[in-house]
Amino acid sequence: RAFVASVRWRTGTTDYADSVKGRFTVSRDVNKNTIYLQM
């Protein structure tokens, strides 16, 4: 199992694995308590 992406709930700060940078986007919806991964 490998890390792909992360987001800090309070700040929205994101991190990505090198293998997905530029292709994947992680985001959060604070009103829906939901995170997304656009690939």
Full PDB file with SEQRES, HELIX, SHEET, SSBOND, CRYST1, ORIGX, SCALE, CONECT and MASTER records, all heavy atoms in Angstrom:
SEQRES   1 A   39  ARG ALA PHE VAL ALA SER VAL ARG TRP ARG THR GLY THR          
SEQRES   2 A   39  THR ASP TYR ALA ASP SER VAL LYS GLY ARG PHE THR VAL          
SEQRES   3 A   39  SER ARG ASP VAL ASN LYS ASN THR ILE TYR LEU GLN MET          
SHEET    1 AA1 2 ALA A   5  VAL A   7  0                                        
SHEET    2 AA1 2 THR A  14  TYR A  16 -1                                        
SHEET    1 AA2 2 THR A  25  ASP A  29  0                                        
SHEET    2 AA2 2 THR A  34  GLN A  38 -1                                        
CRYST1    1.000    1.000    1.000  90.00  90.00  90.00 P 1           1          
ORIGX1      1.000000  0.000000  0.000000        0.00000                         
ORIGX2      0.000000  1.000000  0.000000        0.00000                         
ORIGX3      0.000000  0.000000  1.000000        0.00000                         
SCALE1      1.000000  0.000000  0.000000        0.00000                         
SCALE2      0.000000  1.000000  0.000000        0.00000                         
SCALE3      0.000000  0.000000  1.000000        0.00000                         
ATOM      1  N   ARG A   1       0.839  -1.185   0.000  1.00  0.00           N  
ATOM      2  CA  ARG A   1       0.000   0.000   0.000  1.00  0.00           C  
ATOM      3  C   ARG A   1       0.883   1.247   0.000  1.00  0.00           C  
ATOM      4  O   ARG A   1       1.841   1.342   0.772  1.00  0.00           O  
ATOM      5  CB  ARG A   1      -0.928  -0.008   1.213  1.00  0.00           C  
ATOM      6  CG  ARG A   1      -1.959   1.106   1.194  1.00  0.00           C  
ATOM      7  CD  ARG A   1      -2.969   0.944   2.322  1.00  0.00           C  
ATOM      8  NE  ARG A   1      -3.714  -0.301   2.190  1.00  0.00           N  
ATOM      9  CZ  ARG A   1      -4.723  -0.658   2.981  1.00  0.00           C  
ATOM     10  NH1 ARG A   1      -5.095   0.143   3.964  1.00  0.00           N  
ATOM     11  NH2 ARG A   1      -5.341  -1.805   2.795  1.00  0.00           N  
ATOM     12  N   ALA A   2       0.567   2.209  -0.855  1.00  0.00           N  
ATOM     13  CA  ALA A   2       1.408   3.375  -1.052  1.00  0.00           C  
ATOM     14  C   ALA A   2       0.609   4.666  -0.906  1.00  0.00           C  
ATOM     15  O   ALA A   2      -0.566   4.730  -1.270  1.00  0.00           O  
ATOM     16  CB  ALA A   2       2.075   3.336  -2.425  1.00  0.00           C  
ATOM     17  N   PHE A   3       1.277   5.687  -0.409  1.00  0.00           N  
ATOM     18  CA  PHE A   3       0.690   7.007  -0.274  1.00  0.00           C  
ATOM     19  C   PHE A   3       0.442   7.628  -1.638  1.00  0.00           C  
ATOM     20  O   PHE A   3       1.277   7.515  -2.537  1.00  0.00           O  
ATOM     21  CB  PHE A   3       1.627   7.901   0.542  1.00  0.00           C  
ATOM     22  CG  PHE A   3       1.237   9.348   0.568  1.00  0.00           C  
ATOM     23  CD1 PHE A   3       0.215   9.792   1.384  1.00  0.00           C  
ATOM     24  CD2 PHE A   3       1.903  10.268  -0.223  1.00  0.00           C  
ATOM     25  CE1 PHE A   3      -0.147  11.123   1.414  1.00  0.00           C  
ATOM     26  CE2 PHE A   3       1.556  11.596  -0.206  1.00  0.00           C  
ATOM     27  CZ  PHE A   3       0.519  12.030   0.621  1.00  0.00           C  
ATOM     28  N   VAL A   4      -0.696   8.301  -1.781  1.00  0.00           N  
ATOM     29  CA  VAL A   4      -1.040   8.984  -3.021  1.00  0.00           C  
ATOM     30  C   VAL A   4      -1.126  10.488  -2.814  1.00  0.00           C  
ATOM     31  O   VAL A   4      -0.457  11.263  -3.495  1.00  0.00           O  
ATOM     32  CB  VAL A   4      -2.364   8.459  -3.598  1.00  0.00           C  
ATOM     33  CG1 VAL A   4      -2.766   9.265  -4.832  1.00  0.00           C  
ATOM     34  CG2 VAL A   4      -2.249   6.975  -3.939  1.00  0.00           C  
ATOM     35  N   ALA A   5      -1.966  10.919  -1.874  1.00  0.00           N  
ATOM     36  CA  ALA A   5      -2.186  12.340  -1.655  1.00  0.00           C  
ATOM     37  C   ALA A   5      -2.821  12.552  -0.297  1.00  0.00           C  
ATOM     38  O   ALA A   5      -3.456  11.654   0.252  1.00  0.00           O  
ATOM     39  CB  ALA A   5      -3.080  12.935  -2.753  1.00  0.00           C  
ATOM     40  N   SER A   6      -2.680  13.762   0.246  1.00  0.00           N  
ATOM     41  CA  SER A   6      -3.286  14.088   1.526  1.00  0.00           C  
ATOM     42  C   SER A   6      -3.741  15.535   1.545  1.00  0.00           C  
ATOM     43  O   SER A   6      -3.268  16.362   0.757  1.00  0.00           O  
ATOM     44  CB  SER A   6      -2.331  13.830   2.691  1.00  0.00           C  
ATOM     45  OG  SER A   6      -1.233  14.719   2.655  1.00  0.00           O  
ATOM     46  N   VAL A   7      -4.655  15.836   2.451  1.00  0.00           N  
ATOM     47  CA  VAL A   7      -5.126  17.200   2.650  1.00  0.00           C  
ATOM     48  C   VAL A   7      -5.361  17.425   4.141  1.00  0.00           C  
ATOM     49  O   VAL A   7      -5.943  16.571   4.820  1.00  0.00           O  
ATOM     50  CB  VAL A   7      -6.392  17.490   1.822  1.00  0.00           C  
ATOM     51  CG1 VAL A   7      -7.524  16.526   2.169  1.00  0.00           C  
ATOM     52  CG2 VAL A   7      -6.841  18.933   2.000  1.00  0.00           C  
ATOM     53  N   ARG A   8      -4.896  18.560   4.640  1.00  0.00           N  
ATOM     54  CA  ARG A   8      -5.162  18.944   6.019  1.00  0.00           C  
ATOM     55  C   ARG A   8      -6.521  19.629   6.083  1.00  0.00           C  
ATOM     56  O   ARG A   8      -6.783  20.577   5.334  1.00  0.00           O  
ATOM     57  CB  ARG A   8      -4.070  19.873   6.544  1.00  0.00           C  
ATOM     58  CG  ARG A   8      -2.701  19.213   6.605  1.00  0.00           C  
ATOM     59  CD  ARG A   8      -1.658  20.134   7.225  1.00  0.00           C  
ATOM     60  NE  ARG A   8      -0.353  19.512   7.232  1.00  0.00           N  
ATOM     61  CZ  ARG A   8       0.085  18.716   8.189  1.00  0.00           C  
ATOM     62  NH1 ARG A   8      -0.681  18.436   9.238  1.00  0.00           N  
ATOM     63  NH2 ARG A   8       1.298  18.185   8.110  1.00  0.00           N  
ATOM     64  N   TRP A   9      -7.372  19.123   6.975  1.00  0.00           N  
ATOM     65  CA  TRP A   9      -8.748  19.596   7.001  1.00  0.00           C  
ATOM     66  C   TRP A   9      -8.853  21.081   7.323  1.00  0.00           C  
ATOM     67  O   TRP A   9      -9.637  21.799   6.702  1.00  0.00           O  
ATOM     68  CB  TRP A   9      -9.562  18.778   8.006  1.00  0.00           C  
ATOM     69  CG  TRP A   9     -11.028  18.956   7.814  1.00  0.00           C  
ATOM     70  CD1 TRP A   9     -11.862  19.724   8.565  1.00  0.00           C  
ATOM     71  CD2 TRP A   9     -11.820  18.358   6.795  1.00  0.00           C  
ATOM     72  NE1 TRP A   9     -13.137  19.647   8.078  1.00  0.00           N  
ATOM     73  CE2 TRP A   9     -13.145  18.810   6.980  1.00  0.00           C  
ATOM     74  CE3 TRP A   9     -11.547  17.487   5.747  1.00  0.00           C  
ATOM     75  CZ2 TRP A   9     -14.183  18.417   6.154  1.00  0.00           C  
ATOM     76  CZ3 TRP A   9     -12.583  17.094   4.918  1.00  0.00           C  
ATOM     77  CH2 TRP A   9     -13.884  17.557   5.132  1.00  0.00           C  
ATOM     78  N   ARG A  10      -8.069  21.542   8.291  1.00  0.00           N  
ATOM     79  CA  ARG A  10      -8.176  22.932   8.716  1.00  0.00           C  
ATOM     80  C   ARG A  10      -7.689  23.914   7.659  1.00  0.00           C  
ATOM     81  O   ARG A  10      -8.319  24.953   7.440  1.00  0.00           O  
ATOM     82  CB  ARG A  10      -7.386  23.151  10.005  1.00  0.00           C  
ATOM     83  CG  ARG A  10      -8.037  22.599  11.256  1.00  0.00           C  
ATOM     84  CD  ARG A  10      -7.186  22.928  12.466  1.00  0.00           C  
ATOM     85  NE  ARG A  10      -7.798  22.490  13.712  1.00  0.00           N  
ATOM     86  CZ  ARG A  10      -7.223  22.573  14.888  1.00  0.00           C  
ATOM     87  NH1 ARG A  10      -6.000  23.077  14.998  1.00  0.00           N  
ATOM     88  NH2 ARG A  10      -7.858  22.150  15.970  1.00  0.00           N  
ATOM     89  N   THR A  11      -6.583  23.608   7.043  1.00  0.00           N  
ATOM     90  CA  THR A  11      -5.924  24.564   6.156  1.00  0.00           C  
ATOM     91  C   THR A  11      -6.122  24.275   4.676  1.00  0.00           C  
ATOM     92  O   THR A  11      -5.961  25.174   3.851  1.00  0.00           O  
ATOM     93  CB  THR A  11      -4.422  24.611   6.434  1.00  0.00           C  
ATOM     94  OG1 THR A  11      -3.835  23.349   6.094  1.00  0.00           O  
ATOM     95  CG2 THR A  11      -4.160  24.912   7.902  1.00  0.00           C  
ATOM     96  N   GLY A  12      -6.424  23.046   4.325  1.00  0.00           N  
ATOM     97  CA  GLY A  12      -6.507  22.660   2.932  1.00  0.00           C  
ATOM     98  C   GLY A  12      -5.167  22.378   2.290  1.00  0.00           C  
ATOM     99  O   GLY A  12      -5.111  22.138   1.073  1.00  0.00           O  
ATOM    100  N   THR A  13      -4.094  22.399   3.058  1.00  0.00           N  
ATOM    101  CA  THR A  13      -2.766  22.116   2.529  1.00  0.00           C  
ATOM    102  C   THR A  13      -2.700  20.690   2.000  1.00  0.00           C  
ATOM    103  O   THR A  13      -3.149  19.756   2.668  1.00  0.00           O  
ATOM    104  CB  THR A  13      -1.700  22.315   3.608  1.00  0.00           C  
ATOM    105  OG1 THR A  13      -1.772  23.655   4.095  1.00  0.00           O  
ATOM    106  CG2 THR A  13      -0.310  22.057   3.053  1.00  0.00           C  
ATOM    107  N   THR A  14      -2.136  20.531   0.815  1.00  0.00           N  
ATOM    108  CA  THR A  14      -2.103  19.233   0.161  1.00  0.00           C  
ATOM    109  C   THR A  14      -0.678  18.750  -0.050  1.00  0.00           C  
ATOM    110  O   THR A  14       0.263  19.539  -0.128  1.00  0.00           O  
ATOM    111  CB  THR A  14      -2.817  19.281  -1.190  1.00  0.00           C  
ATOM    112  OG1 THR A  14      -2.197  20.272  -2.026  1.00  0.00           O  
ATOM    113  CG2 THR A  14      -4.284  19.635  -1.016  1.00  0.00           C  
ATOM    114  N   ASP A  15      -0.536  17.447  -0.149  1.00  0.00           N  
ATOM    115  CA  ASP A  15       0.717  16.804  -0.500  1.00  0.00           C  
ATOM    116  C   ASP A  15       0.426  15.680  -1.476  1.00  0.00           C  
ATOM    117  O   ASP A  15      -0.646  15.073  -1.435  1.00  0.00           O  
ATOM    118  CB  ASP A  15       1.427  16.244   0.735  1.00  0.00           C  
ATOM    119  CG  ASP A  15       2.011  17.325   1.612  1.00  0.00           C  
ATOM    120  OD1 ASP A  15       2.936  18.008   1.153  1.00  0.00           O  
ATOM    121  OD2 ASP A  15       1.538  17.480   2.754  1.00  0.00           O  
ATOM    122  N   TYR A  16       1.405  15.394  -2.345  1.00  0.00           N  
ATOM    123  CA  TYR A  16       1.227  14.377  -3.367  1.00  0.00           C  
ATOM    124  C   TYR A  16       2.463  13.517  -3.495  1.00  0.00           C  
ATOM    125  O   TYR A  16       3.591  13.984  -3.318  1.00  0.00           O  
ATOM    126  CB  TYR A  16       0.953  15.014  -4.733  1.00  0.00           C  
ATOM    127  CG  TYR A  16      -0.312  15.817  -4.797  1.00  0.00           C  
ATOM    128  CD1 TYR A  16      -0.302  17.184  -4.549  1.00  0.00           C  
ATOM    129  CD2 TYR A  16      -1.523  15.215  -5.115  1.00  0.00           C  
ATOM    130  CE1 TYR A  16      -1.468  17.924  -4.605  1.00  0.00           C  
ATOM    131  CE2 TYR A  16      -2.690  15.946  -5.176  1.00  0.00           C  
ATOM    132  CZ  TYR A  16      -2.653  17.304  -4.922  1.00  0.00           C  
ATOM    133  OH  TYR A  16      -3.816  18.035  -4.982  1.00  0.00           O  
ATOM    134  N   ALA A  17       2.235  12.261  -3.832  1.00  0.00           N  
ATOM    135  CA  ALA A  17       3.338  11.414  -4.245  1.00  0.00           C  
ATOM    136  C   ALA A  17       3.866  11.898  -5.588  1.00  0.00           C  
ATOM    137  O   ALA A  17       3.105  12.402  -6.422  1.00  0.00           O  
ATOM    138  CB  ALA A  17       2.879   9.961  -4.347  1.00  0.00           C  
ATOM    139  N   ASP A  18       5.164  11.734  -5.808  1.00  0.00           N  
ATOM    140  CA  ASP A  18       5.758  12.186  -7.060  1.00  0.00           C  
ATOM    141  C   ASP A  18       5.099  11.544  -8.278  1.00  0.00           C  
ATOM    142  O   ASP A  18       4.993  12.172  -9.336  1.00  0.00           O  
ATOM    143  CB  ASP A  18       7.254  11.886  -7.076  1.00  0.00           C  
ATOM    144  CG  ASP A  18       8.042  12.779  -6.142  1.00  0.00           C  
ATOM    145  OD1 ASP A  18       7.522  13.838  -5.741  1.00  0.00           O  
ATOM    146  OD2 ASP A  18       9.189  12.423  -5.822  1.00  0.00           O  
ATOM    147  N   SER A  19       4.649  10.330  -8.133  1.00  0.00           N  
ATOM    148  CA  SER A  19       4.086   9.593  -9.247  1.00  0.00           C  
ATOM    149  C   SER A  19       2.765  10.165  -9.753  1.00  0.00           C  
ATOM    150  O   SER A  19       2.349   9.858 -10.877  1.00  0.00           O  
ATOM    151  CB  SER A  19       3.891   8.126  -8.865  1.00  0.00           C  
ATOM    152  OG  SER A  19       3.035   8.005  -7.745  1.00  0.00           O  
ATOM    153  N   VAL A  20       2.102  10.995  -8.943  1.00  0.00           N  
ATOM    154  CA  VAL A  20       0.797  11.526  -9.344  1.00  0.00           C  
ATOM    155  C   VAL A  20       0.780  13.038  -9.466  1.00  0.00           C  
ATOM    156  O   VAL A  20      -0.248  13.598  -9.880  1.00  0.00           O  
ATOM    157  CB  VAL A  20      -0.313  11.075  -8.375  1.00  0.00           C  
ATOM    158  CG1 VAL A  20      -0.322   9.559  -8.234  1.00  0.00           C  
ATOM    159  CG2 VAL A  20      -0.160  11.743  -7.015  1.00  0.00           C  
ATOM    160  N   LYS A  21       1.868  13.708  -9.145  1.00  0.00           N  
ATOM    161  CA  LYS A  21       1.906  15.165  -9.245  1.00  0.00           C  
ATOM    162  C   LYS A  21       1.625  15.620 -10.668  1.00  0.00           C  
ATOM    163  O   LYS A  21       2.168  15.086 -11.626  1.00  0.00           O  
ATOM    164  CB  LYS A  21       3.266  15.693  -8.791  1.00  0.00           C  
ATOM    165  CG  LYS A  21       3.472  15.668  -7.298  1.00  0.00           C  
ATOM    166  CD  LYS A  21       4.826  16.241  -6.911  1.00  0.00           C  
ATOM    167  CE  LYS A  21       5.005  16.251  -5.407  1.00  0.00           C  
ATOM    168  NZ  LYS A  21       6.348  16.762  -5.022  1.00  0.00           N  
ATOM    169  N   GLY A  22       0.762  16.609 -10.772  1.00  0.00           N  
ATOM    170  CA  GLY A  22       0.385  17.127 -12.078  1.00  0.00           C  
ATOM    171  C   GLY A  22      -0.765  16.396 -12.716  1.00  0.00           C  
ATOM    172  O   GLY A  22      -1.328  16.881 -13.710  1.00  0.00           O  
ATOM    173  N   ARG A  23      -1.115  15.239 -12.190  1.00  0.00           N  
ATOM    174  CA  ARG A  23      -2.219  14.453 -12.741  1.00  0.00           C  
ATOM    175  C   ARG A  23      -3.396  14.331 -11.782  1.00  0.00           C  
ATOM    176  O   ARG A  23      -4.543  14.296 -12.220  1.00  0.00           O  
ATOM    177  CB  ARG A  23      -1.739  13.055 -13.124  1.00  0.00           C  
ATOM    178  CG  ARG A  23      -0.649  13.031 -14.179  1.00  0.00           C  
ATOM    179  CD  ARG A  23      -0.391  11.612 -14.661  1.00  0.00           C  
ATOM    180  NE  ARG A  23       0.063  10.740 -13.579  1.00  0.00           N  
ATOM    181  CZ  ARG A  23      -0.533   9.619 -13.219  1.00  0.00           C  
ATOM    182  NH1 ARG A  23      -1.632   9.207 -13.850  1.00  0.00           N  
ATOM    183  NH2 ARG A  23      -0.043   8.874 -12.236  1.00  0.00           N  
ATOM    184  N   PHE A  24      -3.108  14.212 -10.490  1.00  0.00           N  
ATOM    185  CA  PHE A  24      -4.138  14.022  -9.472  1.00  0.00           C  
ATOM    186  C   PHE A  24      -4.289  15.283  -8.645  1.00  0.00           C  
ATOM    187  O   PHE A  24      -3.317  16.005  -8.392  1.00  0.00           O  
ATOM    188  CB  PHE A  24      -3.781  12.870  -8.533  1.00  0.00           C  
ATOM    189  CG  PHE A  24      -3.830  11.498  -9.144  1.00  0.00           C  
ATOM    190  CD1 PHE A  24      -3.959  11.309 -10.508  1.00  0.00           C  
ATOM    191  CD2 PHE A  24      -3.748  10.384  -8.320  1.00  0.00           C  
ATOM    192  CE1 PHE A  24      -3.993  10.038 -11.060  1.00  0.00           C  
ATOM    193  CE2 PHE A  24      -3.785   9.109  -8.856  1.00  0.00           C  
ATOM    194  CZ  PHE A  24      -3.906   8.933 -10.220  1.00  0.00           C  
ATOM    195  N   THR A  25      -5.504  15.539  -8.192  1.00  0.00           N  
ATOM    196  CA  THR A  25      -5.784  16.658  -7.307  1.00  0.00           C  
ATOM    197  C   THR A  25      -6.667  16.191  -6.163  1.00  0.00           C  
ATOM    198  O   THR A  25      -7.733  15.618  -6.397  1.00  0.00           O  
ATOM    199  CB  THR A  25      -6.486  17.797  -8.051  1.00  0.00           C  
ATOM    200  OG1 THR A  25      -5.691  18.226  -9.162  1.00  0.00           O  
ATOM    201  CG2 THR A  25      -6.707  18.983  -7.116  1.00  0.00           C  
ATOM    202  N   VAL A  26      -6.220  16.439  -4.926  1.00  0.00           N  
ATOM    203  CA  VAL A  26      -7.022  16.112  -3.758  1.00  0.00           C  
ATOM    204  C   VAL A  26      -7.668  17.392  -3.239  1.00  0.00           C  
ATOM    205  O   VAL A  26      -7.051  18.465  -3.251  1.00  0.00           O  
ATOM    206  CB  VAL A  26      -6.170  15.430  -2.663  1.00  0.00           C  
ATOM    207  CG1 VAL A  26      -5.069  16.353  -2.151  1.00  0.00           C  
ATOM    208  CG2 VAL A  26      -7.049  14.943  -1.518  1.00  0.00           C  
ATOM    209  N   SER A  27      -8.901  17.290  -2.812  1.00  0.00           N  
ATOM    210  CA  SER A  27      -9.619  18.446  -2.307  1.00  0.00           C  
ATOM    211  C   SER A  27     -10.586  18.010  -1.212  1.00  0.00           C  
ATOM    212  O   SER A  27     -10.832  16.817  -1.020  1.00  0.00           O  
ATOM    213  CB  SER A  27     -10.370  19.166  -3.433  1.00  0.00           C  
ATOM    214  OG  SER A  27     -11.327  18.313  -4.031  1.00  0.00           O  
ATOM    215  N   ARG A  28     -11.126  18.984  -0.506  1.00  0.00           N  
ATOM    216  CA  ARG A  28     -12.080  18.689   0.550  1.00  0.00           C  
ATOM    217  C   ARG A  28     -13.291  19.586   0.430  1.00  0.00           C  
ATOM    218  O   ARG A  28     -13.207  20.711  -0.084  1.00  0.00           O  
ATOM    219  CB  ARG A  28     -11.440  18.864   1.939  1.00  0.00           C  
ATOM    220  CG  ARG A  28     -11.338  20.324   2.402  1.00  0.00           C  
ATOM    221  CD  ARG A  28     -10.227  20.531   3.383  1.00  0.00           C  
ATOM    222  NE  ARG A  28     -10.309  21.784   4.125  1.00  0.00           N  
ATOM    223  CZ  ARG A  28     -10.003  22.976   3.630  1.00  0.00           C  
ATOM    224  NH1 ARG A  28      -9.613  23.097   2.366  1.00  0.00           N  
ATOM    225  NH2 ARG A  28     -10.069  24.053   4.398  1.00  0.00           N  
ATOM    226  N   ASP A  29     -14.423  19.107   0.902  1.00  0.00           N  
ATOM    227  CA  ASP A  29     -15.645  19.879   1.017  1.00  0.00           C  
ATOM    228  C   ASP A  29     -16.012  19.883   2.492  1.00  0.00           C  
ATOM    229  O   ASP A  29     -16.502  18.879   3.018  1.00  0.00           O  
ATOM    230  CB  ASP A  29     -16.762  19.279   0.164  1.00  0.00           C  
ATOM    231  CG  ASP A  29     -18.004  20.148   0.132  1.00  0.00           C  
ATOM    232  OD1 ASP A  29     -18.283  20.850   1.117  1.00  0.00           O  
ATOM    233  OD2 ASP A  29     -18.712  20.114  -0.898  1.00  0.00           O  
ATOM    234  N   VAL A  30     -15.778  20.996   3.174  1.00  0.00           N  
ATOM    235  CA  VAL A  30     -15.975  21.059   4.615  1.00  0.00           C  
ATOM    236  C   VAL A  30     -17.444  20.985   4.995  1.00  0.00           C  
ATOM    237  O   VAL A  30     -17.779  20.629   6.122  1.00  0.00           O  
ATOM    238  CB  VAL A  30     -15.340  22.334   5.210  1.00  0.00           C  
ATOM    239  CG1 VAL A  30     -13.833  22.321   5.000  1.00  0.00           C  
ATOM    240  CG2 VAL A  30     -15.951  23.584   4.608  1.00  0.00           C  
ATOM    241  N   ASN A  31     -18.333  21.307   4.069  1.00  0.00           N  
ATOM    242  CA  ASN A  31     -19.761  21.244   4.353  1.00  0.00           C  
ATOM    243  C   ASN A  31     -20.324  19.839   4.221  1.00  0.00           C  
ATOM    244  O   ASN A  31     -21.367  19.528   4.800  1.00  0.00           O  
ATOM    245  CB  ASN A  31     -20.538  22.192   3.439  1.00  0.00           C  
ATOM    246  CG  ASN A  31     -20.159  23.640   3.634  1.00  0.00           C  
ATOM    247  OD1 ASN A  31     -19.756  24.325   2.690  1.00  0.00           O  
ATOM    248  ND2 ASN A  31     -20.269  24.118   4.862  1.00  0.00           N  
ATOM    249  N   LYS A  32     -19.638  19.003   3.465  1.00  0.00           N  
ATOM    250  CA  LYS A  32     -20.095  17.629   3.245  1.00  0.00           C  
ATOM    251  C   LYS A  32     -19.248  16.594   3.970  1.00  0.00           C  
ATOM    252  O   LYS A  32     -19.547  15.399   3.876  1.00  0.00           O  
ATOM    253  CB  LYS A  32     -20.106  17.312   1.754  1.00  0.00           C  
ATOM    254  CG  LYS A  32     -21.086  18.144   0.955  1.00  0.00           C  
ATOM    255  CD  LYS A  32     -21.067  17.736  -0.518  1.00  0.00           C  
ATOM    256  CE  LYS A  32     -22.080  18.523  -1.314  1.00  0.00           C  
ATOM    257  NZ  LYS A  32     -22.071  18.136  -2.750  1.00  0.00           N  
ATOM    258  N   ASN A  33     -18.202  17.039   4.672  1.00  0.00           N  
ATOM    259  CA  ASN A  33     -17.274  16.126   5.337  1.00  0.00           C  
ATOM    260  C   ASN A  33     -16.771  15.065   4.362  1.00  0.00           C  
ATOM    261  O   ASN A  33     -16.758  13.867   4.661  1.00  0.00           O  
ATOM    262  CB  ASN A  33     -17.922  15.468   6.556  1.00  0.00           C  
ATOM    263  CG  ASN A  33     -18.208  16.449   7.672  1.00  0.00           C  
ATOM    264  OD1 ASN A  33     -17.686  17.566   7.689  1.00  0.00           O  
ATOM    265  ND2 ASN A  33     -19.029  16.040   8.623  1.00  0.00           N  
ATOM    266  N   THR A  34     -16.352  15.532   3.216  1.00  0.00           N  
ATOM    267  CA  THR A  34     -15.966  14.655   2.121  1.00  0.00           C  
ATOM    268  C   THR A  34     -14.667  15.141   1.492  1.00  0.00           C  
ATOM    269  O   THR A  34     -14.455  16.348   1.362  1.00  0.00           O  
ATOM    270  CB  THR A  34     -17.074  14.603   1.056  1.00  0.00           C  
ATOM    271  OG1 THR A  34     -18.273  14.075   1.635  1.00  0.00           O  
ATOM    272  CG2 THR A  34     -16.680  13.728  -0.120  1.00  0.00           C  
ATOM    273  N   ILE A  35     -13.805  14.206   1.122  1.00  0.00           N  
ATOM    274  CA  ILE A  35     -12.641  14.528   0.320  1.00  0.00           C  
ATOM    275  C   ILE A  35     -12.770  13.843  -1.028  1.00  0.00           C  
ATOM    276  O   ILE A  35     -13.474  12.841  -1.177  1.00  0.00           O  
ATOM    277  CB  ILE A  35     -11.306  14.146   0.992  1.00  0.00           C  
ATOM    278  CG1 ILE A  35     -11.173  12.626   1.161  1.00  0.00           C  
ATOM    279  CG2 ILE A  35     -11.161  14.859   2.326  1.00  0.00           C  
ATOM    280  CD1 ILE A  35      -9.763  12.195   1.525  1.00  0.00           C  
ATOM    281  N   TYR A  36     -12.047  14.391  -2.003  1.00  0.00           N  
ATOM    282  CA  TYR A  36     -12.102  13.896  -3.364  1.00  0.00           C  
ATOM    283  C   TYR A  36     -10.697  13.670  -3.893  1.00  0.00           C  
ATOM    284  O   TYR A  36      -9.735  14.273  -3.428  1.00  0.00           O  
ATOM    285  CB  TYR A  36     -12.820  14.889  -4.276  1.00  0.00           C  
ATOM    286  CG  TYR A  36     -14.203  15.255  -3.810  1.00  0.00           C  
ATOM    287  CD1 TYR A  36     -14.411  16.380  -3.014  1.00  0.00           C  
ATOM    288  CD2 TYR A  36     -15.298  14.478  -4.151  1.00  0.00           C  
ATOM    289  CE1 TYR A  36     -15.678  16.718  -2.578  1.00  0.00           C  
ATOM    290  CE2 TYR A  36     -16.566  14.809  -3.718  1.00  0.00           C  
ATOM    291  CZ  TYR A  36     -16.757  15.931  -2.937  1.00  0.00           C  
ATOM    292  OH  TYR A  36     -18.011  16.263  -2.505  1.00  0.00           O  
ATOM    293  N   LEU A  37     -10.608  12.817  -4.876  1.00  0.00           N  
ATOM    294  CA  LEU A  37      -9.370  12.638  -5.613  1.00  0.00           C  
ATOM    295  C   LEU A  37      -9.709  12.664  -7.091  1.00  0.00           C  
ATOM    296  O   LEU A  37     -10.273  11.701  -7.619  1.00  0.00           O  
ATOM    297  CB  LEU A  37      -8.675  11.332  -5.240  1.00  0.00           C  
ATOM    298  CG  LEU A  37      -7.294  11.116  -5.864  1.00  0.00           C  
ATOM    299  CD1 LEU A  37      -6.287  12.115  -5.299  1.00  0.00           C  
ATOM    300  CD2 LEU A  37      -6.815   9.688  -5.642  1.00  0.00           C  
ATOM    301  N   GLN A  38      -9.392  13.774  -7.737  1.00  0.00           N  
ATOM    302  CA  GLN A  38      -9.574  13.896  -9.175  1.00  0.00           C  
ATOM    303  C   GLN A  38      -8.357  13.315  -9.867  1.00  0.00           C  
ATOM    304  O   GLN A  38      -7.233  13.780  -9.648  1.00  0.00           O  
ATOM    305  CB  GLN A  38      -9.755  15.360  -9.576  1.00  0.00           C  
ATOM    306  CG  GLN A  38      -9.904  15.585 -11.070  1.00  0.00           C  
ATOM    307  CD  GLN A  38     -11.164  14.988 -11.630  1.00  0.00           C  
ATOM    308  OE1 GLN A  38     -12.239  15.156 -11.059  1.00  0.00           O  
ATOM    309  NE2 GLN A  38     -11.055  14.268 -12.736  1.00  0.00           N  
ATOM    310  N   MET A  39      -8.552  12.302 -10.680  1.00  0.00           N  
ATOM    311  CA  MET A  39      -7.472  11.594 -11.335  1.00  0.00           C  
ATOM    312  C   MET A  39      -7.582  11.784 -12.839  1.00  0.00           C  
ATOM    313  O   MET A  39      -8.580  11.393 -13.444  1.00  0.00           O  
ATOM    314  CB  MET A  39      -7.511  10.107 -10.984  1.00  0.00           C  
ATOM    315  CG  MET A  39      -7.530   9.825  -9.487  1.00  0.00           C  
ATOM    316  SD  MET A  39      -7.420   8.057  -9.106  1.00  0.00           S  
ATOM    317  CE  MET A  39      -8.977   7.497  -9.800  1.00  0.00           C  
TER     318      MET A  39                                                      
MASTER        0    0    0    0    4    0    0    6  317    1    0    3          
END                                                                             
